[in-house]
Amino acid sequence: MTTELNTLVTALYVKIDDEWAGIGRLPGRPPKLSHSELLFLAVMQALLGFHCGARWLRHAGDPDAGEGHGLLA
């Protein structure tokens, strides 16, 4: 990722995490992702133009995918 995109991604995650910090957890198993992490991934999917969730997850988890490198690692 370029420096500008890294900065945008970091700022976006911090903003979402700050806004969604007070959301409570539902009973049951502990989640693998927080509310803010899930929302962040959905926003990144839309910003990068992935309309299919399966394609986005393959791209985000692929270390050879360019800007998705290490996103879900």
C-alpha atoms as a PDB file:
ATOM      1  CA  MET A   1       0.000   0.000   0.000  1.00  0.00           C
ATOM      2  CA  THR A   2       1.104   3.525  -0.564  1.00  0.00           C
ATOM      3  CA  THR A   3       1.811   5.841   2.335  1.00  0.00           C
ATOM      4  CA  GLU A   4      -1.356   7.858   1.696  1.00  0.00           C
ATOM      5  CA  LEU A   5      -3.507   4.728   1.627  1.00  0.00           C
ATOM      6  CA  ASN A   6      -1.849   3.436   4.812  1.00  0.00           C
ATOM      7  CA  THR A   7      -2.612   6.739   6.509  1.00  0.00           C
ATOM      8  CA  LEU A   8      -6.229   6.661   5.318  1.00  0.00           C
ATOM      9  CA  VAL A   9      -6.705   3.070   6.453  1.00  0.00           C
ATOM     10  CA  THR A  10      -5.224   3.795   9.881  1.00  0.00           C
ATOM     11  CA  ALA A  11      -7.280   6.970  10.359  1.00  0.00           C
ATOM     12  CA  LEU A  12     -10.447   5.206   9.210  1.00  0.00           C
ATOM     13  CA  TYR A  13      -9.947   2.323  11.631  1.00  0.00           C
ATOM     14  CA  VAL A  14      -9.232   4.685  14.544  1.00  0.00           C
ATOM     15  CA  LYS A  15     -12.339   6.769  13.742  1.00  0.00           C
ATOM     16  CA  ILE A  16     -14.582   3.699  13.520  1.00  0.00           C
ATOM     17  CA  ASP A  17     -13.073   2.178  16.661  1.00  0.00           C
ATOM     18  CA  ASP A  18     -13.577   5.407  18.628  1.00  0.00           C
ATOM     19  CA  GLU A  19     -17.189   5.768  17.475  1.00  0.00           C
ATOM     20  CA  TRP A  20     -18.142   2.139  18.125  1.00  0.00           C
ATOM     21  CA  ALA A  21     -16.181   1.658  21.365  1.00  0.00           C
ATOM     22  CA  GLY A  22     -19.274   1.644  23.617  1.00  0.00           C
ATOM     23  CA  ILE A  23     -21.177  -1.083  21.745  1.00  0.00           C
ATOM     24  CA  GLY A  24     -21.879  -3.978  24.110  1.00  0.00           C
ATOM     25  CA  ARG A  25     -21.360  -7.631  23.412  1.00  0.00           C
ATOM     26  CA  LEU A  26     -24.167 -10.151  23.004  1.00  0.00           C
ATOM     27  CA  PRO A  27     -24.251 -13.278  25.182  1.00  0.00           C
ATOM     28  CA  GLY A  28     -22.626 -16.408  23.814  1.00  0.00           C
ATOM     29  CA  ARG A  29     -19.239 -17.220  22.377  1.00  0.00           C
ATOM     30  CA  PRO A  30     -16.709 -14.409  22.276  1.00  0.00           C
ATOM     31  CA  PRO A  31     -16.573 -12.901  18.785  1.00  0.00           C
ATOM     32  CA  LYS A  32     -13.537 -13.320  16.550  1.00  0.00           C
ATOM     33  CA  LEU A  33     -13.913  -9.700  15.390  1.00  0.00           C
ATOM     34  CA  SER A  34     -15.095  -6.654  17.294  1.00  0.00           C
ATOM     35  CA  HIS A  35     -17.962  -4.536  15.968  1.00  0.00           C
ATOM     36  CA  SER A  36     -15.520  -1.861  14.828  1.00  0.00           C
ATOM     37  CA  GLU A  37     -13.271  -4.390  13.045  1.00  0.00           C
ATOM     38  CA  LEU A  38     -16.224  -5.848  11.166  1.00  0.00           C
ATOM     39  CA  LEU A  39     -17.488  -2.411  10.156  1.00  0.00           C
ATOM     40  CA  PHE A  40     -13.975  -1.375   9.098  1.00  0.00           C
ATOM     41  CA  LEU A  41     -13.650  -4.422   6.832  1.00  0.00           C
ATOM     42  CA  ALA A  42     -17.047  -3.693   5.268  1.00  0.00           C
ATOM     43  CA  VAL A  43     -16.062  -0.072   4.580  1.00  0.00           C
ATOM     44  CA  MET A  44     -12.709  -1.131   3.082  1.00  0.00           C
ATOM     45  CA  GLN A  45     -14.498  -3.662   0.881  1.00  0.00           C
ATOM     46  CA  ALA A  46     -16.718  -0.905  -0.497  1.00  0.00           C
ATOM     47  CA  LEU A  47     -13.890   1.638  -0.880  1.00  0.00           C
ATOM     48  CA  LEU A  48     -11.749  -0.818  -2.833  1.00  0.00           C
ATOM     49  CA  GLY A  49     -14.662  -1.713  -5.127  1.00  0.00           C
ATOM     50  CA  PHE A  50     -15.321  -5.326  -4.138  1.00  0.00           C
ATOM     51  CA  HIS A  51     -19.036  -6.055  -4.530  1.00  0.00           C
ATOM     52  CA  CYS A  52     -18.688  -9.747  -3.729  1.00  0.00           C
ATOM     53  CA  GLY A  53     -17.819 -10.683  -0.150  1.00  0.00           C
ATOM     54  CA  ALA A  54     -16.067 -13.898  -1.176  1.00  0.00           C
ATOM     55  CA  ARG A  55     -13.764 -12.048  -3.602  1.00  0.00           C
ATOM     56  CA  TRP A  56     -12.973  -9.439  -0.946  1.00  0.00           C
ATOM     57  CA  LEU A  57     -12.048 -12.091   1.621  1.00  0.00           C
ATOM     58  CA  ARG A  58      -9.807 -13.881  -0.883  1.00  0.00           C
ATOM     59  CA  HIS A  59      -8.145 -10.571  -1.808  1.00  0.00           C
ATOM     60  CA  ALA A  60      -7.741  -9.365   1.780  1.00  0.00           C
ATOM     61  CA  GLY A  61      -6.263 -12.664   2.932  1.00  0.00           C
ATOM     62  CA  ASP A  62      -3.920 -13.097  -0.048  1.00  0.00           C
ATOM     63  CA  PRO A  63      -0.348 -11.994   0.751  1.00  0.00           C
ATOM     64  CA  ASP A  64       0.321 -11.454  -2.978  1.00  0.00           C
ATOM     65  CA  ALA A  65      -2.724  -9.205  -3.522  1.00  0.00           C
ATOM     66  CA  GLY A  66      -1.030  -5.809  -3.316  1.00  0.00           C
ATOM     67  CA  GLU A  67      -2.996  -3.410  -1.133  1.00  0.00           C
ATOM     68  CA  GLY A  68      -4.694  -6.302   0.685  1.00  0.00           C
ATOM     69  CA  HIS A  69      -1.336  -7.634   1.826  1.00  0.00           C
ATOM     70  CA  GLY A  70      -1.528  -8.704   5.431  1.00  0.00           C
ATOM     71  CA  LEU A  71      -4.956  -7.178   6.053  1.00  0.00           C
ATOM     72  CA  LEU A  72      -6.392 -10.367   7.506  1.00  0.00           C
ATOM     73  CA  ALA A  73      -3.106 -11.914   8.600  1.00  0.00           C
END
